[in-house]
Amino acid sequence: MPVIKDLVVDMNIFFDGLKRVRPYLISHSPEPEHEVIRSPGQRSRIDRLVDCISCGVCTTSCPVFWTNHSCLGPAVLVRAFRFLSDSGDEGYEEHMEFAARDNGALTCKEAYQCTVGCPKDINPQEAVDGIRSMMLRKSIWSKLHRRQTGEEREEAAMTA
């Protein structure tokens, strides 16, 4: 991050990333009449992720982010994974599209520096791995679905 003076850095790059992740539940359904209650199992999937205070320690300790400020960084990916894992969020596609972009989860080089300094003991690497796993499952499911519907054969015939 650009140094302003002494120990003061410009955090705008970091905060811009947090805004771009759309850090809120996305709903495509009409507003429910009653509060939607999650089961303990559903809540347990996001318990640690909700604790993130967006301090940026993980992002500023990431060697990839040091050299490439266009990468999203661990804190933004933790936030994206939090919403990807939340059963109450209907914006899976939007959040996945954001996290799976070129400067997203695939830019992580697994240096594990992000896991060292978190004051809330959150492991950003687990979030990055979770996003990558979701990307892989989505890719495999997509190929399987295309194969079952015959779309893959049609695409191959069109390119031949």
C-alpha atoms as a PDB file:
ATOM      1  CA  MET A   1       0.000   0.000   0.000  1.00  0.00           C
ATOM      2  CA  PRO A   2       1.270   3.483  -0.729  1.00  0.00           C
ATOM      3  CA  VAL A   3       3.042   5.088   2.224  1.00  0.00           C
ATOM      4  CA  ILE A   4       1.765   8.541   3.175  1.00  0.00           C
ATOM      5  CA  LYS A   5       4.344   9.131   5.921  1.00  0.00           C
ATOM      6  CA  ASP A   6       6.087   7.163   8.665  1.00  0.00           C
ATOM      7  CA  LEU A   7       3.651   4.397   9.666  1.00  0.00           C
ATOM      8  CA  VAL A   8       0.660   5.838   7.797  1.00  0.00           C
ATOM      9  CA  VAL A   9      -0.412   4.040   4.626  1.00  0.00           C
ATOM     10  CA  ASP A  10      -3.177   4.718   2.141  1.00  0.00           C
ATOM     11  CA  MET A  11      -5.788   2.010   2.840  1.00  0.00           C
ATOM     12  CA  ASN A  12      -8.116   3.072   0.003  1.00  0.00           C
ATOM     13  CA  ILE A  13      -7.089   0.081  -2.135  1.00  0.00           C
ATOM     14  CA  PHE A  14      -8.066  -2.249   0.707  1.00  0.00           C
ATOM     15  CA  PHE A  15     -11.395  -0.546   1.457  1.00  0.00           C
ATOM     16  CA  ASP A  16     -12.300  -0.362  -2.243  1.00  0.00           C
ATOM     17  CA  GLY A  17     -11.915  -4.149  -2.424  1.00  0.00           C
ATOM     18  CA  LEU A  18     -14.163  -4.606   0.596  1.00  0.00           C
ATOM     19  CA  LYS A  19     -16.854  -2.480  -1.066  1.00  0.00           C
ATOM     20  CA  ARG A  20     -16.597  -4.323  -4.398  1.00  0.00           C
ATOM     21  CA  VAL A  21     -17.252  -7.696  -2.739  1.00  0.00           C
ATOM     22  CA  ARG A  22     -20.801  -6.485  -1.989  1.00  0.00           C
ATOM     23  CA  PRO A  23     -20.492  -7.201   1.755  1.00  0.00           C
ATOM     24  CA  TYR A  24     -24.146  -7.844   2.434  1.00  0.00           C
ATOM     25  CA  LEU A  25     -26.712 -10.559   1.884  1.00  0.00           C
ATOM     26  CA  ILE A  26     -28.177 -10.488  -1.603  1.00  0.00           C
ATOM     27  CA  SER A  27     -31.835 -11.428  -1.886  1.00  0.00           C
ATOM     28  CA  HIS A  28     -33.742 -12.046  -5.091  1.00  0.00           C
ATOM     29  CA  SER A  29     -36.885 -13.142  -3.219  1.00  0.00           C
ATOM     30  CA  PRO A  30     -39.575 -10.909  -1.808  1.00  0.00           C
ATOM     31  CA  GLU A  31     -38.914  -9.805   1.751  1.00  0.00           C
ATOM     32  CA  PRO A  32     -40.114 -12.518   4.151  1.00  0.00           C
ATOM     33  CA  GLU A  33     -42.815 -11.705   6.664  1.00  0.00           C
ATOM     34  CA  HIS A  34     -40.816 -13.286   9.493  1.00  0.00           C
ATOM     35  CA  GLU A  35     -37.151 -13.447  10.364  1.00  0.00           C
ATOM     36  CA  VAL A  36     -35.367 -16.323   8.650  1.00  0.00           C
ATOM     37  CA  ILE A  37     -33.790 -18.515  11.317  1.00  0.00           C
ATOM     38  CA  ARG A  38     -30.694 -20.539  10.462  1.00  0.00           C
ATOM     39  CA  SER A  39     -30.051 -23.942  11.963  1.00  0.00           C
ATOM     40  CA  PRO A  40     -27.005 -24.323  14.228  1.00  0.00           C
ATOM     41  CA  GLY A  41     -25.320 -26.280  11.421  1.00  0.00           C
ATOM     42  CA  GLN A  42     -25.916 -23.500   8.901  1.00  0.00           C
ATOM     43  CA  ARG A  43     -24.657 -20.882  11.344  1.00  0.00           C
ATOM     44  CA  SER A  44     -21.552 -22.895  12.253  1.00  0.00           C
ATOM     45  CA  ARG A  45     -20.335 -22.665   8.634  1.00  0.00           C
ATOM     46  CA  ILE A  46     -19.945 -18.888   8.946  1.00  0.00           C
ATOM     47  CA  ASP A  47     -19.212 -18.446  12.678  1.00  0.00           C
ATOM     48  CA  ARG A  48     -15.476 -17.766  12.333  1.00  0.00           C
ATOM     49  CA  LEU A  49     -15.900 -15.739   9.144  1.00  0.00           C
ATOM     50  CA  VAL A  50     -18.393 -13.342  10.743  1.00  0.00           C
ATOM     51  CA  ASP A  51     -15.763 -12.492  13.385  1.00  0.00           C
ATOM     52  CA  CYS A  52     -13.524 -10.756  10.811  1.00  0.00           C
ATOM     53  CA  ILE A  53     -13.139  -7.080  11.751  1.00  0.00           C
ATOM     54  CA  SER A  54     -11.663  -6.087   8.360  1.00  0.00           C
ATOM     55  CA  CYS A  55      -8.502  -4.686   9.936  1.00  0.00           C
ATOM     56  CA  GLY A  56      -6.368  -5.548   6.897  1.00  0.00           C
ATOM     57  CA  VAL A  57      -3.540  -7.284   8.791  1.00  0.00           C
ATOM     58  CA  CYS A  58      -3.865 -10.388   6.612  1.00  0.00           C
ATOM     59  CA  THR A  59      -3.897  -8.342   3.417  1.00  0.00           C
ATOM     60  CA  THR A  60      -0.882  -6.225   4.344  1.00  0.00           C
ATOM     61  CA  SER A  61       1.073  -9.362   5.280  1.00  0.00           C
ATOM     62  CA  CYS A  62       0.317 -11.049   1.934  1.00  0.00           C
ATOM     63  CA  PRO A  63       3.393 -11.116  -0.353  1.00  0.00           C
ATOM     64  CA  VAL A  64       1.178 -11.326  -3.459  1.00  0.00           C
ATOM     65  CA  PHE A  65      -0.629  -8.135  -2.430  1.00  0.00           C
ATOM     66  CA  TRP A  66       2.737  -6.376  -1.839  1.00  0.00           C
ATOM     67  CA  THR A  67       3.626  -6.809  -5.488  1.00  0.00           C
ATOM     68  CA  ASN A  68       0.164  -6.754  -7.080  1.00  0.00           C
ATOM     69  CA  HIS A  69      -2.308  -4.259  -5.616  1.00  0.00           C
ATOM     70  CA  SER A  70      -4.926  -5.329  -8.140  1.00  0.00           C
ATOM     71  CA  CYS A  71      -5.293  -8.721  -6.418  1.00  0.00           C
ATOM     72  CA  LEU A  72      -8.211  -8.820  -4.002  1.00  0.00           C
ATOM     73  CA  GLY A  73      -6.199  -9.930  -0.988  1.00  0.00           C
ATOM     74  CA  PRO A  74      -7.092 -12.274   1.874  1.00  0.00           C
ATOM     75  CA  ALA A  75      -9.507 -10.020   3.809  1.00  0.00           C
ATOM     76  CA  VAL A  76     -11.696  -9.435   0.756  1.00  0.00           C
ATOM     77  CA  LEU A  77     -11.678 -13.156  -0.051  1.00  0.00           C
ATOM     78  CA  VAL A  78     -12.636 -13.981   3.565  1.00  0.00           C
ATOM     79  CA  ARG A  79     -15.575 -11.606   3.184  1.00  0.00           C
ATOM     80  CA  ALA A  80     -16.565 -13.187  -0.148  1.00  0.00           C
ATOM     81  CA  PHE A  81     -16.331 -16.691   1.322  1.00  0.00           C
ATOM     82  CA  ARG A  82     -18.484 -15.611   4.259  1.00  0.00           C
ATOM     83  CA  PHE A  83     -21.344 -14.786   1.886  1.00  0.00           C
ATOM     84  CA  LEU A  84     -20.707 -17.781  -0.373  1.00  0.00           C
ATOM     85  CA  SER A  85     -21.078 -20.004   2.706  1.00  0.00           C
ATOM     86  CA  ASP A  86     -24.152 -18.261   4.123  1.00  0.00           C
ATOM     87  CA  SER A  87     -27.372 -20.214   3.566  1.00  0.00           C
ATOM     88  CA  GLY A  88     -29.362 -16.971   3.761  1.00  0.00           C
ATOM     89  CA  ASP A  89     -27.600 -15.377   0.805  1.00  0.00           C
ATOM     90  CA  GLU A  90     -29.170 -15.746  -2.630  1.00  0.00           C
ATOM     91  CA  GLY A  91     -26.307 -14.016  -4.430  1.00  0.00           C
ATOM     92  CA  TYR A  92     -24.057 -17.054  -4.788  1.00  0.00           C
ATOM     93  CA  GLU A  93     -23.452 -16.427  -8.485  1.00  0.00           C
ATOM     94  CA  GLU A  94     -22.587 -12.747  -7.942  1.00  0.00           C
ATOM     95  CA  HIS A  95     -20.243 -13.478  -5.043  1.00  0.00           C
ATOM     96  CA  MET A  96     -18.613 -16.407  -6.878  1.00  0.00           C
ATOM     97  CA  GLU A  97     -18.104 -14.364 -10.032  1.00  0.00           C
ATOM     98  CA  PHE A  98     -16.334 -11.733  -7.929  1.00  0.00           C
ATOM     99  CA  ALA A  99     -14.134 -14.199  -5.983  1.00  0.00           C
ATOM    100  CA  ALA A 100     -13.263 -16.318  -9.026  1.00  0.00           C
ATOM    101  CA  ARG A 101     -12.034 -13.489 -11.222  1.00  0.00           C
ATOM    102  CA  ASP A 102      -8.418 -13.329 -12.386  1.00  0.00           C
ATOM    103  CA  ASN A 103      -7.302 -11.251  -9.412  1.00  0.00           C
ATOM    104  CA  GLY A 104      -9.284 -13.352  -6.920  1.00  0.00           C
ATOM    105  CA  ALA A 105      -8.713 -16.686  -5.197  1.00  0.00           C
ATOM    106  CA  LEU A 106      -6.410 -18.046  -7.895  1.00  0.00           C
ATOM    107  CA  THR A 107      -3.794 -15.328  -7.295  1.00  0.00           C
ATOM    108  CA  CYS A 108      -2.984 -16.773  -3.849  1.00  0.00           C
ATOM    109  CA  LYS A 109       0.466 -18.390  -3.827  1.00  0.00           C
ATOM    110  CA  GLU A 110      -0.082 -20.064  -0.438  1.00  0.00           C
ATOM    111  CA  ALA A 111       2.699 -18.297   1.455  1.00  0.00           C
ATOM    112  CA  TYR A 112       0.462 -18.502   4.559  1.00  0.00           C
ATOM    113  CA  GLN A 113       1.625 -15.091   5.808  1.00  0.00           C
ATOM    114  CA  CYS A 114      -2.023 -14.013   6.045  1.00  0.00           C
ATOM    115  CA  THR A 115      -2.684 -16.584   8.754  1.00  0.00           C
ATOM    116  CA  VAL A 116      -0.047 -15.282  11.165  1.00  0.00           C
ATOM    117  CA  GLY A 117      -1.226 -11.885  12.387  1.00  0.00           C
ATOM    118  CA  CYS A 118      -5.025 -12.029  12.527  1.00  0.00           C
ATOM    119  CA  PRO A 119      -6.190 -10.606  15.870  1.00  0.00           C
ATOM    120  CA  LYS A 120      -9.382 -12.728  15.637  1.00  0.00           C
ATOM    121  CA  ASP A 121      -7.495 -15.942  14.822  1.00  0.00           C
ATOM    122  CA  ILE A 122      -9.236 -16.358  11.464  1.00  0.00           C
ATOM    123  CA  ASN A 123      -7.413 -18.405   8.850  1.00  0.00           C
ATOM    124  CA  PRO A 124      -7.791 -16.588   5.507  1.00  0.00           C
ATOM    125  CA  GLN A 125      -6.080 -19.468   3.726  1.00  0.00           C
ATOM    126  CA  GLU A 126      -9.025 -21.716   4.620  1.00  0.00           C
ATOM    127  CA  ALA A 127     -11.374 -19.191   2.985  1.00  0.00           C
ATOM    128  CA  VAL A 128      -9.216 -19.076  -0.165  1.00  0.00           C
ATOM    129  CA  ASP A 129      -9.117 -22.884  -0.276  1.00  0.00           C
ATOM    130  CA  GLY A 130     -12.896 -22.963   0.262  1.00  0.00           C
ATOM    131  CA  ILE A 131     -13.461 -20.625  -2.683  1.00  0.00           C
ATOM    132  CA  ARG A 132     -11.155 -22.716  -4.864  1.00  0.00           C
ATOM    133  CA  SER A 133     -13.041 -25.855  -3.828  1.00  0.00           C
ATOM    134  CA  MET A 134     -16.371 -24.202  -4.707  1.00  0.00           C
ATOM    135  CA  MET A 135     -14.929 -23.140  -8.066  1.00  0.00           C
ATOM    136  CA  LEU A 136     -13.835 -26.707  -8.763  1.00  0.00           C
ATOM    137  CA  ARG A 137     -17.199 -28.198  -7.747  1.00  0.00           C
ATOM    138  CA  LYS A 138     -19.028 -25.656  -9.895  1.00  0.00           C
ATOM    139  CA  SER A 139     -16.783 -26.430 -12.859  1.00  0.00           C
ATOM    140  CA  ILE A 140     -17.218 -30.182 -12.465  1.00  0.00           C
ATOM    141  CA  TRP A 141     -20.988 -29.842 -11.991  1.00  0.00           C
ATOM    142  CA  SER A 142     -21.220 -27.576 -15.008  1.00  0.00           C
ATOM    143  CA  LYS A 143     -19.350 -30.069 -17.196  1.00  0.00           C
ATOM    144  CA  LEU A 144     -21.448 -32.957 -15.870  1.00  0.00           C
ATOM    145  CA  HIS A 145     -24.659 -31.027 -16.522  1.00  0.00           C
ATOM    146  CA  ARG A 146     -23.549 -30.152 -20.059  1.00  0.00           C
ATOM    147  CA  ARG A 147     -22.639 -33.784 -20.679  1.00  0.00           C
ATOM    148  CA  GLN A 148     -26.036 -34.983 -19.446  1.00  0.00           C
ATOM    149  CA  THR A 149     -27.903 -32.487 -21.596  1.00  0.00           C
ATOM    150  CA  GLY A 150     -25.754 -33.083 -24.659  1.00  0.00           C
ATOM    151  CA  GLU A 151     -24.589 -29.463 -24.798  1.00  0.00           C
ATOM    152  CA  GLU A 152     -20.940 -30.581 -24.671  1.00  0.00           C
ATOM    153  CA  ARG A 153     -21.360 -32.703 -27.818  1.00  0.00           C
ATOM    154  CA  GLU A 154     -23.087 -29.829 -29.593  1.00  0.00           C
ATOM    155  CA  GLU A 155     -20.278 -27.422 -28.614  1.00  0.00           C
ATOM    156  CA  ALA A 156     -17.648 -29.901 -29.855  1.00  0.00           C
ATOM    157  CA  ALA A 157     -19.502 -30.363 -33.145  1.00  0.00           C
ATOM    158  CA  MET A 158     -19.689 -26.614 -33.648  1.00  0.00           C
ATOM    159  CA  THR A 159     -15.940 -26.128 -33.104  1.00  0.00           C
ATOM    160  CA  ALA A 160     -14.919 -29.045 -35.361  1.00  0.00           C
END
